[in-house]
């Protein structure tokens, strides 16, 4: 179970980083699609929260 959670945390980190880079690329290009920019921000914060929750669960399981 710990290995599975470790993999999920790693995938969550990569997904968060991917959405962050997608938002940065859109900002650098000067894209004026505010809906896409807001959607990427919501996805990034959601992924970040889920990843942190999984990380906390992983630490709790490793401790006990």
N, C-alpha and C. Protein backbone atom coordinates (compact mmCIF):
# COMPACT_ATOMS: atom_id res chain seq x y z
N UNK A 1 0.82 -1.20 0.00
CA UNK A 1 0.00 0.00 0.00
C UNK A 1 0.86 1.26 0.00
N UNK A 2 1.98 1.20 0.71
CA UNK A 2 2.86 2.37 0.77
C UNK A 2 3.46 2.65 -0.61
N UNK A 3 3.82 1.59 -1.34
CA UNK A 3 4.37 1.77 -2.68
C UNK A 3 3.33 2.40 -3.60
N UNK A 4 2.09 1.94 -3.50
CA UNK A 4 1.00 2.49 -4.31
C UNK A 4 0.80 3.98 -4.01
N UNK A 5 0.78 4.35 -2.74
CA UNK A 5 0.62 5.76 -2.38
C UNK A 5 1.80 6.60 -2.84
N UNK A 6 3.00 6.04 -2.78
CA UNK A 6 4.17 6.76 -3.25
C UNK A 6 4.06 7.05 -4.75
N UNK A 7 3.60 6.06 -5.50
CA UNK A 7 3.41 6.26 -6.94
C UNK A 7 2.33 7.31 -7.20
N UNK A 8 1.24 7.26 -6.45
CA UNK A 8 0.17 8.25 -6.61
C UNK A 8 0.65 9.66 -6.29
N UNK A 9 1.46 9.80 -5.24
CA UNK A 9 1.99 11.12 -4.89
C UNK A 9 2.89 11.63 -6.02
N UNK A 10 3.73 10.75 -6.56
CA UNK A 10 4.60 11.15 -7.67
C UNK A 10 3.80 11.57 -8.90
N UNK A 11 2.76 10.80 -9.23
CA UNK A 11 1.92 11.17 -10.37
C UNK A 11 1.17 12.48 -10.11
N UNK A 12 0.72 12.68 -8.89
CA UNK A 12 0.06 13.93 -8.55
C UNK A 12 0.99 15.13 -8.67
N UNK A 13 2.23 14.93 -8.27
CA UNK A 13 3.21 16.01 -8.40
C UNK A 13 3.46 16.34 -9.87
N UNK A 14 3.59 15.31 -10.70
CA UNK A 14 3.81 15.53 -12.13
C UNK A 14 2.60 16.21 -12.78
N UNK A 15 1.40 15.79 -12.39
CA UNK A 15 0.19 16.40 -12.95
C UNK A 15 0.09 17.87 -12.54
N UNK A 16 0.42 18.16 -11.30
CA UNK A 16 0.40 19.56 -10.83
C UNK A 16 1.42 20.39 -11.60
N UNK A 17 2.60 19.84 -11.78
CA UNK A 17 3.64 20.55 -12.53
C UNK A 17 3.23 20.76 -13.97
N UNK A 18 2.58 19.76 -14.57
CA UNK A 18 2.13 19.89 -15.95
C UNK A 18 1.11 20.99 -16.13
N UNK A 19 0.14 21.07 -15.22
CA UNK A 19 -0.87 22.13 -15.33
C UNK A 19 -0.25 23.50 -15.05
N UNK A 20 0.72 23.55 -14.17
CA UNK A 20 1.41 24.81 -13.91
C UNK A 20 2.14 25.29 -15.16
N UNK A 21 2.86 24.38 -15.82
CA UNK A 21 3.58 24.75 -17.05
C UNK A 21 2.61 25.13 -18.17
N UNK A 22 1.49 24.42 -18.28
CA UNK A 22 0.51 24.76 -19.31
C UNK A 22 -0.02 26.18 -19.09
N UNK A 23 -0.27 26.54 -17.84
CA UNK A 23 -0.72 27.90 -17.55
C UNK A 23 0.34 28.94 -17.83
N UNK A 24 1.60 28.59 -17.52
CA UNK A 24 2.69 29.53 -17.78
C UNK A 24 2.90 29.74 -19.28
N UNK A 25 2.80 28.66 -20.05
CA UNK A 25 2.96 28.78 -21.51
C UNK A 25 1.86 29.65 -22.09
N UNK A 26 0.64 29.46 -21.62
CA UNK A 26 -0.47 30.29 -22.09
C UNK A 26 -0.27 31.75 -21.74
N UNK A 27 0.29 32.01 -20.56
CA UNK A 27 0.53 33.39 -20.15
C UNK A 27 1.63 34.03 -20.98
N UNK A 28 2.69 33.26 -21.27
CA UNK A 28 3.80 33.79 -22.07
C UNK A 28 3.36 34.09 -23.50
N UNK A 29 2.50 33.22 -24.04
CA UNK A 29 2.00 33.43 -25.40
C UNK A 29 1.05 34.61 -25.49
N UNK A 30 0.58 35.07 -24.37
CA UNK A 30 -0.33 36.20 -24.36
C UNK A 30 -1.75 35.80 -24.71
N UNK A 31 -2.08 34.56 -24.44
CA UNK A 31 -3.42 34.07 -24.73
C UNK A 31 -4.44 34.86 -23.91
N UNK A 32 -5.50 35.28 -24.57
CA UNK A 32 -6.52 36.05 -23.87
C UNK A 32 -7.74 35.21 -23.53
N UNK A 33 -7.58 33.89 -23.54
CA UNK A 33 -8.66 32.99 -23.18
C UNK A 33 -8.69 32.85 -21.66
N UNK A 34 -9.43 33.72 -21.01
CA UNK A 34 -9.47 33.75 -19.55
C UNK A 34 -10.14 32.51 -18.97
N UNK A 35 -11.09 31.94 -19.71
CA UNK A 35 -11.77 30.74 -19.23
C UNK A 35 -10.78 29.59 -19.09
N UNK A 36 -9.91 29.41 -20.07
CA UNK A 36 -8.91 28.34 -20.02
C UNK A 36 -7.91 28.59 -18.90
N UNK A 37 -7.52 29.83 -18.74
CA UNK A 37 -6.57 30.19 -17.69
C UNK A 37 -7.16 29.90 -16.31
N UNK A 38 -8.42 30.27 -16.10
CA UNK A 38 -9.08 30.00 -14.81
C UNK A 38 -9.27 28.52 -14.58
N UNK A 39 -9.59 27.78 -15.64
CA UNK A 39 -9.77 26.34 -15.51
C UNK A 39 -8.45 25.67 -15.13
N UNK A 40 -7.36 26.10 -15.74
CA UNK A 40 -6.05 25.54 -15.40
C UNK A 40 -5.69 25.86 -13.95
N UNK A 41 -6.02 27.04 -13.48
CA UNK A 41 -5.73 27.41 -12.10
C UNK A 41 -6.53 26.54 -11.13
N UNK A 42 -7.81 26.30 -11.45
CA UNK A 42 -8.63 25.43 -10.60
C UNK A 42 -8.09 24.01 -10.59
N UNK A 43 -7.71 23.50 -11.75
CA UNK A 43 -7.15 22.15 -11.83
C UNK A 43 -5.86 22.06 -11.03
N UNK A 44 -5.01 23.09 -11.13
CA UNK A 44 -3.74 23.06 -10.42
C UNK A 44 -3.95 23.04 -8.92
N UNK A 45 -4.84 23.87 -8.43
CA UNK A 45 -5.05 23.90 -6.98
C UNK A 45 -5.72 22.62 -6.49
N UNK A 46 -6.62 22.06 -7.30
CA UNK A 46 -7.26 20.79 -6.92
C UNK A 46 -6.23 19.66 -6.88
N UNK A 47 -5.42 19.57 -7.92
CA UNK A 47 -4.38 18.54 -7.95
C UNK A 47 -3.39 18.71 -6.81
N UNK A 48 -3.05 19.94 -6.51
CA UNK A 48 -2.12 20.21 -5.43
C UNK A 48 -2.71 19.77 -4.09
N UNK A 49 -3.98 20.05 -3.87
CA UNK A 49 -4.63 19.65 -2.63
C UNK A 49 -4.73 18.14 -2.49
N UNK A 50 -5.09 17.46 -3.57
CA UNK A 50 -5.19 16.00 -3.54
C UNK A 50 -3.81 15.39 -3.29
N UNK A 51 -2.80 15.94 -3.94
CA UNK A 51 -1.44 15.41 -3.75
C UNK A 51 -0.97 15.61 -2.31
N UNK A 52 -1.26 16.75 -1.74
CA UNK A 52 -0.88 16.98 -0.34
C UNK A 52 -1.62 16.05 0.61
N UNK A 53 -2.89 15.79 0.33
CA UNK A 53 -3.65 14.86 1.17
C UNK A 53 -3.07 13.45 1.07
N UNK A 54 -2.73 13.02 -0.14
CA UNK A 54 -2.11 11.71 -0.32
C UNK A 54 -0.76 11.63 0.38
N UNK A 55 -0.01 12.71 0.31
CA UNK A 55 1.30 12.76 0.97
C UNK A 55 1.14 12.66 2.49
N UNK A 56 0.16 13.36 3.02
CA UNK A 56 -0.10 13.29 4.47
C UNK A 56 -0.51 11.87 4.87
N UNK A 57 -1.35 11.24 4.06
CA UNK A 57 -1.75 9.86 4.32
C UNK A 57 -0.55 8.92 4.27
N UNK A 58 0.32 9.14 3.30
CA UNK A 58 1.53 8.33 3.18
C UNK A 58 2.42 8.48 4.41
N UNK A 59 2.61 9.70 4.87
CA UNK A 59 3.43 9.91 6.06
C UNK A 59 2.79 9.27 7.28
N UNK A 60 1.46 9.36 7.40
CA UNK A 60 0.75 8.75 8.52
C UNK A 60 0.92 7.23 8.51
N UNK A 61 0.85 6.63 7.34
CA UNK A 61 0.97 5.17 7.23
C UNK A 61 2.40 4.71 7.49
N UNK A 62 3.38 5.51 7.10
CA UNK A 62 4.78 5.14 7.32
C UNK A 62 5.15 5.24 8.79
N UNK A 63 4.51 6.14 9.50
CA UNK A 63 4.81 6.37 10.90
C UNK A 63 4.25 5.25 11.79
N UNK A 64 3.07 4.75 11.40
CA UNK A 64 2.38 3.77 12.23
C UNK A 64 2.74 2.42 11.87
